[in-house]
Amino acid sequence: MPAYHSSFNEEPDARQVGNMSILPIRTRIRGPAPIADPSQPDIIDETLDLFRANSLFRNFEIKGPADRTLIVLILFISDCLAKLGSARTVPTQIEASKMLNTLSVETFPIPGDANFPLNAHYAQPPSRADADYLRQYLIQTRQELAARLVEKLYADGTGKPSKWWMSFQKRRFMNRSLGS
């Protein structure tokens, strides 16, 4: 059974930096990302929907530039769940939000950096300005993804993260991790 791919691969007017798509998102966080139509799902919704199914796969055939963006965001969700799972006590929703927001703005490698784990599958941004643009876009999407992930994790109202999500904290998509 093949992995699930991004529906944004056929997006005709999506900007690309390196070979990653810069896709529109619905957000209140400032940044360079284009604003998405509020009535349509964006790449972050798609990532949250496909995370649990795709994290069961060790192999992932990249079918387009939006798949590369999807991979980076899925790996970030894995790091978020690992961060929450490694806390001494079960974090409340506010604590989790603070932890993940901090994680989302920490320094991280982008395609082309020496310590980026998937450099073989990603093209380096052609210029320094494009690299900075990609970093700012990824910071913005990571912040929005962290906020929406916390909403999903604590949606049941018990004050504890969902065990159905936390059960994926040790599973690694493609046996990779963005974190060190």
N, C-alpha and C. Protein backbone atom coordinates (compact mmCIF):
# COMPACT_ATOMS: atom_id res chain seq x y z
N MET A 1 0.84 -1.18 0.00
CA MET A 1 0.00 0.00 0.00
C MET A 1 0.89 1.25 0.00
N PRO A 2 0.67 2.16 -0.93
CA PRO A 2 1.53 3.34 -1.01
C PRO A 2 1.16 4.39 0.04
N ALA A 3 2.10 5.26 0.32
CA ALA A 3 1.87 6.37 1.25
C ALA A 3 0.93 7.39 0.60
N TYR A 4 0.41 8.27 1.42
CA TYR A 4 -0.49 9.32 0.94
C TYR A 4 0.31 10.55 0.55
N HIS A 5 0.02 11.09 -0.62
CA HIS A 5 0.76 12.23 -1.14
C HIS A 5 -0.07 13.51 -1.02
N SER A 6 0.61 14.62 -1.16
CA SER A 6 -0.04 15.91 -1.04
C SER A 6 -0.94 16.18 -2.25
N SER A 7 -2.10 16.74 -1.96
CA SER A 7 -3.02 17.12 -3.04
C SER A 7 -2.58 18.44 -3.68
N PHE A 8 -1.57 19.10 -3.10
CA PHE A 8 -1.09 20.38 -3.63
C PHE A 8 0.03 20.19 -4.66
N ASN A 9 0.36 18.96 -5.02
CA ASN A 9 1.40 18.72 -6.02
C ASN A 9 1.02 19.29 -7.38
N GLU A 10 -0.28 19.36 -7.65
CA GLU A 10 -0.74 19.89 -8.94
C GLU A 10 -1.03 21.38 -8.89
N GLU A 11 -0.70 22.04 -7.79
CA GLU A 11 -0.93 23.48 -7.64
C GLU A 11 -0.10 24.22 -8.71
N PRO A 12 -0.77 24.87 -9.68
CA PRO A 12 -0.03 25.42 -10.82
C PRO A 12 0.79 26.67 -10.49
N ASP A 13 0.33 27.52 -9.58
CA ASP A 13 1.00 28.79 -9.36
C ASP A 13 1.72 28.87 -8.02
N ALA A 14 2.10 27.73 -7.46
CA ALA A 14 2.83 27.73 -6.20
C ALA A 14 4.29 28.08 -6.47
N ARG A 15 4.80 29.00 -5.69
CA ARG A 15 6.21 29.38 -5.81
C ARG A 15 7.07 28.23 -5.28
N GLN A 16 8.25 28.06 -5.85
CA GLN A 16 9.18 27.05 -5.37
C GLN A 16 10.50 27.69 -5.00
N VAL A 17 11.04 27.24 -3.88
CA VAL A 17 12.38 27.63 -3.47
C VAL A 17 13.17 26.34 -3.36
N GLY A 18 14.25 26.25 -4.12
CA GLY A 18 14.91 24.96 -4.26
C GLY A 18 13.93 24.09 -5.03
N ASN A 19 13.53 22.99 -4.43
CA ASN A 19 12.46 22.20 -5.04
C ASN A 19 11.33 21.94 -4.04
N MET A 20 11.16 22.87 -3.10
CA MET A 20 10.04 22.82 -2.15
C MET A 20 8.99 23.85 -2.54
N SER A 21 7.73 23.48 -2.38
CA SER A 21 6.65 24.42 -2.67
C SER A 21 6.44 25.37 -1.50
N ILE A 22 6.20 26.62 -1.83
CA ILE A 22 5.79 27.62 -0.84
C ILE A 22 4.29 27.74 -1.01
N LEU A 23 3.55 27.06 -0.14
CA LEU A 23 2.10 26.96 -0.28
C LEU A 23 1.38 27.94 0.64
N PRO A 24 0.20 28.40 0.25
CA PRO A 24 -0.57 29.31 1.09
C PRO A 24 -1.05 28.60 2.36
N ILE A 25 -1.11 29.35 3.46
CA ILE A 25 -1.64 28.81 4.72
C ILE A 25 -2.60 29.81 5.34
N ARG A 26 -3.51 29.29 6.15
CA ARG A 26 -4.40 30.15 6.94
C ARG A 26 -3.72 30.39 8.28
N THR A 27 -3.40 31.63 8.55
CA THR A 27 -2.66 31.91 9.77
C THR A 27 -2.86 33.35 10.22
N ARG A 28 -2.62 33.56 11.51
CA ARG A 28 -2.60 34.91 12.05
C ARG A 28 -1.16 35.31 12.41
N ILE A 29 -0.23 34.41 12.14
CA ILE A 29 1.18 34.64 12.45
C ILE A 29 1.83 35.35 11.28
N ARG A 30 2.58 36.40 11.59
CA ARG A 30 3.23 37.17 10.53
C ARG A 30 4.34 36.36 9.88
N GLY A 31 4.46 36.54 8.58
CA GLY A 31 5.51 35.86 7.85
C GLY A 31 5.28 35.97 6.36
N PRO A 32 6.15 35.35 5.59
CA PRO A 32 6.10 35.50 4.12
C PRO A 32 5.11 34.58 3.41
N ALA A 33 4.47 33.67 4.13
CA ALA A 33 3.59 32.70 3.47
C ALA A 33 2.39 33.40 2.84
N PRO A 34 2.01 32.97 1.64
CA PRO A 34 0.79 33.49 1.03
C PRO A 34 -0.42 33.10 1.88
N ILE A 35 -1.45 33.92 1.86
CA ILE A 35 -2.66 33.66 2.65
C ILE A 35 -3.58 32.74 1.85
N ALA A 36 -4.07 31.68 2.51
CA ALA A 36 -4.94 30.71 1.85
C ALA A 36 -6.40 31.11 2.00
N ASP A 37 -7.23 30.54 1.17
CA ASP A 37 -8.67 30.71 1.25
C ASP A 37 -9.16 30.05 2.55
N PRO A 38 -9.85 30.81 3.42
CA PRO A 38 -10.27 30.25 4.70
C PRO A 38 -11.26 29.08 4.58
N SER A 39 -11.94 28.96 3.45
CA SER A 39 -12.92 27.88 3.31
C SER A 39 -12.29 26.58 2.81
N GLN A 40 -11.03 26.63 2.40
CA GLN A 40 -10.35 25.45 1.84
C GLN A 40 -9.28 24.96 2.81
N PRO A 41 -9.04 23.65 2.85
CA PRO A 41 -7.94 23.14 3.67
C PRO A 41 -6.59 23.58 3.09
N ASP A 42 -5.61 23.81 3.96
CA ASP A 42 -4.28 24.20 3.51
C ASP A 42 -3.29 23.07 3.78
N ILE A 43 -2.02 23.30 3.53
CA ILE A 43 -1.00 22.27 3.69
C ILE A 43 -0.89 21.82 5.14
N ILE A 44 -1.17 22.69 6.08
CA ILE A 44 -1.08 22.32 7.50
C ILE A 44 -2.21 21.38 7.87
N ASP A 45 -3.42 21.66 7.40
CA ASP A 45 -4.53 20.73 7.62
C ASP A 45 -4.22 19.37 7.01
N GLU A 46 -3.69 19.39 5.80
CA GLU A 46 -3.35 18.15 5.12
C GLU A 46 -2.28 17.38 5.89
N THR A 47 -1.29 18.08 6.41
CA THR A 47 -0.23 17.43 7.18
C THR A 47 -0.79 16.77 8.43
N LEU A 48 -1.66 17.48 9.13
CA LEU A 48 -2.26 16.90 10.34
C LEU A 48 -3.14 15.69 10.00
N ASP A 49 -3.83 15.75 8.87
CA ASP A 49 -4.68 14.63 8.47
C ASP A 49 -3.87 13.41 8.04
N LEU A 50 -2.75 13.63 7.37
CA LEU A 50 -1.97 12.52 6.82
C LEU A 50 -0.85 12.03 7.74
N PHE A 51 -0.59 12.74 8.83
CA PHE A 51 0.55 12.39 9.68
C PHE A 51 0.50 10.96 10.18
N ARG A 52 -0.59 10.57 10.81
CA ARG A 52 -0.62 9.24 11.44
C ARG A 52 -0.54 8.12 10.41
N ALA A 53 -1.19 8.29 9.28
CA ALA A 53 -1.13 7.25 8.25
C ALA A 53 0.27 7.18 7.63
N ASN A 54 0.82 8.33 7.29
CA ASN A 54 2.13 8.34 6.63
C ASN A 54 3.26 7.96 7.57
N SER A 55 3.11 8.18 8.86
CA SER A 55 4.20 7.86 9.77
C SER A 55 4.40 6.36 9.90
N LEU A 56 3.48 5.57 9.38
CA LEU A 56 3.63 4.12 9.39
C LEU A 56 4.53 3.62 8.26
N PHE A 57 4.87 4.50 7.32
CA PHE A 57 5.65 4.11 6.16
C PHE A 57 7.13 4.44 6.35
N ARG A 58 7.98 3.52 5.89
CA ARG A 58 9.42 3.78 5.93
C ARG A 58 9.89 4.40 4.63
N ASN A 59 9.17 4.16 3.56
CA ASN A 59 9.54 4.69 2.26
C ASN A 59 8.45 5.66 1.79
N PHE A 60 8.88 6.68 1.08
CA PHE A 60 7.95 7.67 0.58
C PHE A 60 8.46 8.15 -0.76
N GLU A 61 7.71 7.87 -1.81
CA GLU A 61 8.09 8.31 -3.14
C GLU A 61 7.63 9.75 -3.32
N ILE A 62 8.56 10.64 -3.59
CA ILE A 62 8.24 12.07 -3.75
C ILE A 62 7.69 12.28 -5.15
N LYS A 63 6.44 12.75 -5.22
CA LYS A 63 5.79 12.93 -6.52
C LYS A 63 5.72 14.38 -6.97
N GLY A 64 6.14 15.31 -6.10
CA GLY A 64 6.10 16.71 -6.48
C GLY A 64 6.67 17.59 -5.39
N PRO A 65 6.76 18.89 -5.66
CA PRO A 65 7.36 19.81 -4.69
C PRO A 65 6.54 19.95 -3.40
N ALA A 66 5.22 19.76 -3.48
CA ALA A 66 4.40 19.85 -2.26
C ALA A 66 4.66 18.66 -1.34
N ASP A 67 5.05 17.53 -1.90
CA ASP A 67 5.41 16.38 -1.07
C ASP A 67 6.64 16.68 -0.22
N ARG A 68 7.57 17.46 -0.76
CA ARG A 68 8.76 17.82 0.01
C ARG A 68 8.38 18.70 1.20
N THR A 69 7.46 19.62 0.99
CA THR A 69 6.98 20.45 2.10
C THR A 69 6.25 19.57 3.11
N LEU A 70 5.42 18.65 2.63
CA LEU A 70 4.69 17.74 3.50
C LEU A 70 5.64 16.91 4.37
N ILE A 71 6.73 16.42 3.79
CA ILE A 71 7.70 15.61 4.54
C ILE A 71 8.31 16.42 5.68
N VAL A 72 8.73 17.64 5.39
CA VAL A 72 9.33 18.48 6.43
C VAL A 72 8.34 18.73 7.56
N LEU A 73 7.08 18.98 7.23
CA LEU A 73 6.08 19.25 8.27
C LEU A 73 5.74 17.98 9.06
N ILE A 74 5.69 16.83 8.40
CA ILE A 74 5.44 15.57 9.12
C ILE A 74 6.59 15.29 10.09
N LEU A 75 7.82 15.51 9.66
CA LEU A 75 8.96 15.31 10.55
C LEU A 75 8.92 16.27 11.73
N PHE A 76 8.42 17.49 11.49
CA PHE A 76 8.29 18.45 12.59
C PHE A 76 7.24 17.98 13.60
N ILE A 77 6.13 17.42 13.13
CA ILE A 77 5.12 16.89 14.06
C ILE A 77 5.74 15.78 14.91
N SER A 78 6.53 14.92 14.31
CA SER A 78 7.20 13.86 15.06
C SER A 78 8.07 14.44 16.16
N ASP A 79 8.81 15.49 15.84
CA ASP A 79 9.65 16.14 16.85
C ASP A 79 8.81 16.77 17.95
N CYS A 80 7.67 17.35 17.58
CA CYS A 80 6.77 17.95 18.58
C CYS A 80 6.25 16.89 19.55
N LEU A 81 5.80 15.77 19.02
CA LEU A 81 5.27 14.71 19.89
C LEU A 81 6.37 14.13 20.77
N ALA A 82 7.57 14.00 20.23
CA ALA A 82 8.70 13.51 21.03
C ALA A 82 9.03 14.49 22.15
N LYS A 83 8.96 15.78 21.86
CA LYS A 83 9.24 16.82 22.86
C LYS A 83 8.21 16.76 23.99
N LEU A 84 6.93 16.62 23.63
CA LEU A 84 5.89 16.53 24.66
C LEU A 84 6.01 15.24 25.45
N GLY A 85 6.38 14.15 24.79
CA GLY A 85 6.50 12.86 25.46
C GLY A 85 7.69 12.79 26.39
N SER A 86 8.70 13.61 26.14
CA SER A 86 9.91 13.57 26.97
C SER A 86 9.81 14.49 28.19
N ALA A 87 8.72 15.22 28.32
CA ALA A 87 8.56 16.11 29.48
C ALA A 87 8.44 15.27 30.76
N ARG A 88 8.91 15.81 31.87
CA ARG A 88 8.88 15.08 33.14
C ARG A 88 7.45 14.76 33.57
N THR A 89 6.58 15.73 33.44
CA THR A 89 5.17 15.53 33.77
C THR A 89 4.34 15.78 32.53
N VAL A 90 3.13 15.30 32.53
CA VAL A 90 2.25 15.52 31.38
C VAL A 90 1.94 17.02 31.29
N PRO A 91 2.31 17.65 30.19
CA PRO A 91 2.10 19.10 30.09
C PRO A 91 0.62 19.47 29.90
N THR A 92 0.24 20.59 30.50
CA THR A 92 -1.11 21.11 30.26
C THR A 92 -1.13 21.71 28.86
N GLN A 93 -2.30 22.13 28.43
CA GLN A 93 -2.41 22.69 27.09
C GLN A 93 -1.57 23.96 26.95
N ILE A 94 -1.56 24.80 27.96
CA ILE A 94 -0.79 26.05 27.90
C ILE A 94 0.71 25.74 27.88
N GLU A 95 1.15 24.80 28.74
CA GLU A 95 2.56 24.41 28.76
C GLU A 95 2.98 23.81 27.43
N ALA A 96 2.13 22.96 26.86
CA ALA A 96 2.43 22.34 25.58
C ALA A 96 2.53 23.40 24.49
N SER A 97 1.65 24.36 24.53
CA SER A 97 1.67 25.43 23.54
C SER A 97 2.99 26.21 23.62
N LYS A 98 3.43 26.51 24.84
CA LYS A 98 4.69 27.23 25.02
C LYS A 98 5.88 26.39 24.56
N MET A 99 5.88 25.10 24.92
CA MET A 99 6.99 24.22 24.53
C MET A 99 7.10 24.12 23.01
N LEU A 100 5.97 23.92 22.35
CA LEU A 100 6.00 23.72 20.91
C LEU A 100 6.28 25.02 20.15
N ASN A 101 5.82 26.14 20.69
CA ASN A 101 6.12 27.41 20.05
C ASN A 101 7.62 27.69 20.13
N THR A 102 8.21 27.37 21.28
CA THR A 102 9.66 27.53 21.42
C THR A 102 10.40 26.62 20.45
N LEU A 103 9.94 25.37 20.34
CA LEU A 103 10.55 24.43 19.40
C LEU A 103 10.44 24.92 17.96
N SER A 104 9.33 25.54 17.63
CA SER A 104 9.11 25.97 16.24
C SER A 104 10.01 27.11 15.81
N VAL A 105 10.48 27.92 16.75
CA VAL A 105 11.35 29.06 16.37
C VAL A 105 12.82 28.80 16.65
N GLU A 106 13.15 27.64 17.24
CA GLU A 106 14.55 27.32 17.45
C GLU A 106 15.27 27.21 16.11
N THR A 107 16.56 27.40 16.14
CA THR A 107 17.36 27.27 14.93
C THR A 107 17.28 25.84 14.42
N PHE A 108 17.04 25.70 13.14
CA PHE A 108 16.91 24.38 12.53
C PHE A 108 17.54 24.41 11.14
N PRO A 109 18.01 23.26 10.67
CA PRO A 109 18.62 23.22 9.33
C PRO A 109 17.56 23.26 8.24
N ILE A 110 17.90 23.89 7.13
CA ILE A 110 17.03 23.90 5.96
C ILE A 110 17.75 23.14 4.84
N PRO A 111 17.05 22.77 3.77
CA PRO A 111 17.73 22.08 2.67
C PRO A 111 18.96 22.85 2.20
N GLY A 112 20.04 22.14 2.05
CA GLY A 112 21.30 22.75 1.65
C GLY A 112 22.26 22.91 2.81
N ASP A 113 21.76 22.97 4.05
CA ASP A 113 22.63 23.01 5.21
C ASP A 113 23.28 21.64 5.40
N ALA A 114 24.46 21.63 5.96
CA ALA A 114 25.21 20.37 6.11
C ALA A 114 24.49 19.36 6.98
N ASN A 115 23.75 19.80 7.99
CA ASN A 115 23.12 18.87 8.92
C ASN A 115 21.63 18.65 8.64
N PHE A 116 21.14 19.03 7.47
CA PHE A 116 19.76 18.73 7.10
C PHE A 116 19.70 17.24 6.74
N PRO A 117 18.78 16.47 7.37
CA PRO A 117 18.82 15.00 7.22
C PRO A 117 18.43 14.46 5.85
N LEU A 118 17.78 15.25 5.01
CA LEU A 118 17.29 14.74 3.72
C LEU A 118 17.89 15.50 2.54
N ASN A 119 19.14 15.93 2.66
CA ASN A 119 19.75 16.72 1.59
C ASN A 119 19.79 16.01 0.24
N ALA A 120 19.80 14.68 0.25
CA ALA A 120 19.84 13.94 -1.01
C ALA A 120 18.56 14.13 -1.83
N HIS A 121 17.46 14.48 -1.16
CA HIS A 121 16.17 14.59 -1.84
C HIS A 121 15.72 16.03 -2.06
N TYR A 122 16.49 16.98 -1.57
CA TYR A 122 16.11 18.39 -1.65
C TYR A 122 17.19 19.19 -2.34
N ALA A 123 16.78 20.15 -3.14
CA ALA A 123 17.73 21.05 -3.79
C ALA A 123 18.03 22.22 -2.86
N GLN A 124 19.23 22.68 -2.93
CA GLN A 124 19.64 23.85 -2.14
C GLN A 124 18.99 25.10 -2.74
N PRO A 125 18.53 26.05 -1.90
CA PRO A 125 18.01 27.30 -2.46
C PRO A 125 19.09 27.98 -3.30
N PRO A 126 18.70 28.57 -4.44
CA PRO A 126 19.70 29.11 -5.37
C PRO A 126 20.47 30.33 -4.84
N SER A 127 19.89 31.08 -3.92
CA SER A 127 20.59 32.28 -3.44
C SER A 127 20.40 32.41 -1.93
N ARG A 128 21.17 33.29 -1.35
CA ARG A 128 21.07 33.56 0.09
C ARG A 128 19.69 34.14 0.43
N ALA A 129 19.17 35.00 -0.44
CA ALA A 129 17.85 35.60 -0.21
C ALA A 129 16.76 34.52 -0.23
N ASP A 130 16.86 33.58 -1.15
CA ASP A 130 15.89 32.48 -1.20
C ASP A 130 16.00 31.59 0.03
N ALA A 131 17.21 31.36 0.51
CA ALA A 131 17.40 30.56 1.72
C ALA A 131 16.77 31.25 2.93
N ASP A 132 16.94 32.56 3.03
CA ASP A 132 16.32 33.31 4.13
C ASP A 132 14.80 33.28 4.02
N TYR A 133 14.29 33.43 2.79
CA TYR A 133 12.85 33.36 2.56
C TYR A 133 12.30 32.00 2.97
N LEU A 134 12.99 30.91 2.59
CA LEU A 134 12.56 29.57 2.94
C LEU A 134 12.58 29.37 4.46
N ARG A 135 13.61 29.86 5.12
CA ARG A 135 13.69 29.73 6.58
C ARG A 135 12.53 30.47 7.25
N GLN A 136 12.22 31.69 6.79
CA GLN A 136 11.11 32.45 7.37
C GLN A 136 9.77 31.76 7.10
N TYR A 137 9.61 31.21 5.91
CA TYR A 137 8.38 30.48 5.59
C TYR A 137 8.23 29.26 6.49
N LEU A 138 9.32 28.51 6.68
CA LEU A 138 9.25 27.33 7.52
C LEU A 138 9.01 27.68 8.99
N ILE A 139 9.58 28.78 9.45
CA ILE A 139 9.30 29.22 10.83
C ILE A 139 7.82 29.53 10.98
N GLN A 140 7.25 30.25 10.03
CA GLN A 140 5.83 30.59 10.08
C GLN A 140 4.95 29.35 10.04
N THR A 141 5.25 28.42 9.14
CA THR A 141 4.43 27.22 9.05
C THR A 141 4.60 26.34 10.28
N ARG A 142 5.81 26.28 10.84
CA ARG A 142 6.03 25.50 12.06
C ARG A 142 5.25 26.08 13.24
N GLN A 143 5.22 27.41 13.34
CA GLN A 143 4.45 28.04 14.43
C GLN A 143 2.96 27.74 14.28
N GLU A 144 2.45 27.86 13.08
CA GLU A 144 1.03 27.59 12.85
C GLU A 144 0.73 26.11 13.06
N LEU A 145 1.60 25.24 12.60
CA LEU A 145 1.42 23.80 12.79
C LEU A 145 1.44 23.44 14.27
N ALA A 146 2.34 24.04 15.04
CA ALA A 146 2.41 23.78 16.48
C ALA A 146 1.11 24.21 17.17
N ALA A 147 0.58 25.37 16.79
CA ALA A 147 -0.67 25.85 17.39
C ALA A 147 -1.84 24.92 17.07
N ARG A 148 -1.94 24.49 15.81
CA ARG A 148 -3.04 23.60 15.44
C ARG A 148 -2.86 22.20 16.02
N LEU A 149 -1.62 21.75 16.17
CA LEU A 149 -1.37 20.44 16.77
C LEU A 149 -1.81 20.43 18.23
N VAL A 150 -1.52 21.49 18.95
CA VAL A 150 -1.94 21.57 20.36
C VAL A 150 -3.47 21.53 20.44
N GLU A 151 -4.15 22.23 19.54
CA GLU A 151 -5.62 22.19 19.52
C GLU A 151 -6.12 20.77 19.31
N LYS A 152 -5.48 20.02 18.40
CA LYS A 152 -5.89 18.63 18.15
C LYS A 152 -5.57 17.72 19.33
N LEU A 153 -4.39 17.91 19.91
CA LEU A 153 -3.97 17.06 21.02
C LEU A 153 -4.87 17.19 22.24
N TYR A 154 -5.34 18.39 22.49
CA TYR A 154 -6.13 18.67 23.69
C TYR A 154 -7.60 18.90 23.36
N ALA A 155 -8.08 18.38 22.26
CA ALA A 155 -9.46 18.62 21.81
C ALA A 155 -10.51 17.95 22.69
N ASP A 156 -10.12 16.89 23.42
CA ASP A 156 -11.12 16.16 24.21
C ASP A 156 -11.50 16.86 25.51
N GLY A 157 -10.76 17.89 25.92
CA GLY A 157 -11.11 18.67 27.10
C GLY A 157 -10.68 18.06 28.42
N THR A 158 -9.88 16.99 28.41
CA THR A 158 -9.45 16.36 29.66
C THR A 158 -8.23 17.05 30.27
N GLY A 159 -7.57 17.91 29.51
CA GLY A 159 -6.37 18.56 30.00
C GLY A 159 -5.11 17.74 29.77
N LYS A 160 -5.26 16.56 29.17
CA LYS A 160 -4.13 15.70 28.84
C LYS A 160 -4.09 15.51 27.33
N PRO A 161 -2.90 15.31 26.78
CA PRO A 161 -2.84 15.08 25.34
C PRO A 161 -3.48 13.75 24.96
N SER A 162 -4.04 13.71 23.77
CA SER A 162 -4.72 12.52 23.28
C SER A 162 -3.76 11.34 23.18
N LYS A 163 -4.14 10.23 23.77
CA LYS A 163 -3.28 9.04 23.70
C LYS A 163 -3.19 8.51 22.28
N TRP A 164 -4.19 8.80 21.46
CA TRP A 164 -4.17 8.33 20.07
C TRP A 164 -3.15 9.09 19.24
N TRP A 165 -2.83 10.29 19.65
CA TRP A 165 -1.77 11.04 18.99
C TRP A 165 -0.42 10.73 19.63
N MET A 166 -0.38 10.67 20.95
CA MET A 166 0.89 10.47 21.64
C MET A 166 1.48 9.09 21.39
N SER A 167 0.66 8.16 20.94
CA SER A 167 1.18 6.83 20.64
C SER A 167 2.16 6.86 19.46
N PHE A 168 2.19 7.95 18.73
CA PHE A 168 3.10 8.08 17.59
C PHE A 168 4.39 8.81 17.95
N GLN A 169 4.61 9.08 19.25
CA GLN A 169 5.77 9.88 19.62
C GLN A 169 7.11 9.20 19.35
N LYS A 170 7.15 7.87 19.37
CA LYS A 170 8.41 7.16 19.13
C LYS A 170 8.55 6.70 17.68
N ARG A 171 7.49 6.77 16.92
CA ARG A 171 7.52 6.33 15.53
C ARG A 171 8.15 7.43 14.67
N ARG A 172 9.04 7.04 13.80
CA ARG A 172 9.74 7.98 12.93
C ARG A 172 9.33 7.77 11.49
N PHE A 173 8.85 8.82 10.86
CA PHE A 173 8.51 8.79 9.44
C PHE A 173 9.80 8.65 8.65
N MET A 174 9.88 7.65 7.78
CA MET A 174 11.06 7.37 6.97
C MET A 174 12.31 7.13 7.84
N ASN A 175 12.10 6.77 9.10
CA ASN A 175 13.19 6.57 10.07
C ASN A 175 14.10 7.79 10.18
N ARG A 176 13.51 8.97 10.05
CA ARG A 176 14.28 10.23 10.11
C ARG A 176 13.69 11.13 11.18
N SER A 177 14.49 12.12 11.55
CA SER A 177 14.05 13.15 12.49
C SER A 177 14.74 14.45 12.12
N LEU A 178 14.04 15.56 12.26
CA LEU A 178 14.67 16.85 12.02
C LEU A 178 15.53 17.27 13.20
N GLY A 179 15.14 16.81 14.39
CA GLY A 179 15.86 17.18 15.61
C GLY A 179 17.18 16.44 15.73
N SER A 180 17.96 16.90 16.67
CA SER A 180 19.26 16.25 16.85
C SER A 180 19.18 15.10 17.83
